[in-house]
Amino acid sequence: MTASAKTLALIEKLAWVALYAGLFAIVLGIVTGEVHVIAGWSLGVLGAVGVAAGITLIIVRSRLTETPAAGAQSSSPSQDQT
């Protein structure tokens, strides 16, 4: 699968934001859990979902390739021999 450079950069940015925001929410849930159990668990679960989304986006990004620029394509050797 191919994607433009702009799309790849967006996926990469979203992946790391989701990952770090999820980790922050998990830590916040652990700290909050001592005072308010429901809020702590809610933050922990939302953080885990964010981490899972970030990991999924990293895997998707690793499988995508960048579309080459229109002028940068080379011809195959069989086309050169005419």
Protein backbone atom coordinates (compact mmCIF):
# COMPACT_ATOMS: atom_id res chain seq x y z
CA MET A 1 0.00 0.00 0.00
CA THR A 2 1.22 3.46 -0.80
CA ALA A 3 0.46 6.85 0.71
CA SER A 4 1.61 10.40 0.24
CA ALA A 5 4.29 11.92 2.44
CA LYS A 6 1.71 14.20 4.05
CA THR A 7 -0.50 11.24 4.99
CA LEU A 8 2.45 9.32 6.43
CA ALA A 9 3.47 12.32 8.53
CA LEU A 10 -0.08 12.71 9.84
CA ILE A 11 -0.35 9.02 10.79
CA GLU A 12 3.02 9.17 12.51
CA LYS A 13 2.05 12.29 14.46
CA LEU A 14 -1.30 10.83 15.52
CA ALA A 15 0.32 7.57 16.60
CA TRP A 16 2.77 9.22 18.96
CA VAL A 17 0.19 11.65 20.35
CA ALA A 18 -2.21 8.76 21.07
CA LEU A 19 0.55 6.69 22.64
CA TYR A 20 1.87 9.39 24.96
CA ALA A 21 -1.59 10.72 25.84
CA GLY A 22 -2.66 7.17 26.68
CA LEU A 23 0.34 6.61 28.91
CA PHE A 24 -0.31 9.92 30.64
CA ALA A 25 -3.96 8.96 31.20
CA ILE A 26 -2.92 5.61 32.68
CA VAL A 27 -0.56 7.32 35.13
CA LEU A 28 -3.25 9.87 35.97
CA GLY A 29 -5.73 7.03 36.52
CA ILE A 30 -3.35 5.28 38.91
CA VAL A 31 -2.85 8.47 40.92
CA THR A 32 -6.57 9.35 40.89
CA GLY A 33 -7.64 5.82 41.80
CA GLU A 34 -6.68 6.28 45.43
CA VAL A 35 -9.10 9.20 45.84
CA HIS A 36 -11.91 8.27 43.45
CA VAL A 37 -12.04 4.66 42.23
CA ILE A 38 -14.45 5.16 39.32
CA ALA A 39 -12.50 8.12 37.91
CA GLY A 40 -9.25 6.19 38.28
CA TRP A 41 -10.54 3.16 36.43
CA SER A 42 -12.11 5.32 33.73
CA LEU A 43 -8.86 7.16 33.10
CA GLY A 44 -6.94 3.89 33.12
CA VAL A 45 -9.24 2.26 30.58
CA LEU A 46 -9.26 5.33 28.33
CA GLY A 47 -5.48 5.45 28.56
CA ALA A 48 -5.21 1.79 27.60
CA VAL A 49 -7.44 2.42 24.58
CA GLY A 50 -5.19 5.35 23.59
CA VAL A 51 -2.06 3.21 23.91
CA ALA A 52 -3.67 0.45 21.83
CA ALA A 53 -4.65 2.98 19.16
CA GLY A 54 -1.11 4.39 19.10
CA ILE A 55 0.44 0.95 18.72
CA THR A 56 -2.03 0.09 15.97
CA LEU A 57 -1.18 3.29 14.09
CA ILE A 58 2.54 2.55 14.40
CA ILE A 59 1.97 -0.90 12.89
CA VAL A 60 -0.16 0.56 10.08
CA ARG A 61 2.49 3.23 9.40
CA SER A 62 5.23 0.61 9.20
CA ARG A 63 3.35 -1.24 6.46
CA LEU A 64 2.75 1.82 4.27
CA THR A 65 5.24 2.97 1.67
CA GLU A 66 5.61 6.46 0.29
CA THR A 67 4.37 7.15 -3.22
CA PRO A 68 7.37 8.13 -5.37
CA ALA A 69 7.36 11.55 -6.99
CA ALA A 70 6.19 11.65 -10.60
CA GLY A 71 9.57 12.72 -12.02
CA ALA A 72 11.65 10.33 -9.93
CA GLN A 73 10.46 7.09 -11.49
CA SER A 74 12.99 5.15 -13.50
CA SER A 75 12.15 2.93 -16.41
CA SER A 76 12.69 -0.79 -16.29
CA PRO A 77 15.60 -2.30 -18.29
CA SER A 78 13.19 -4.08 -20.66
CA GLN A 79 11.70 -0.75 -21.78
CA ASP A 80 15.14 0.70 -22.57
CA GLN A 81 15.86 -1.96 -25.20
CA THR A 82 13.68 -0.95 -28.14
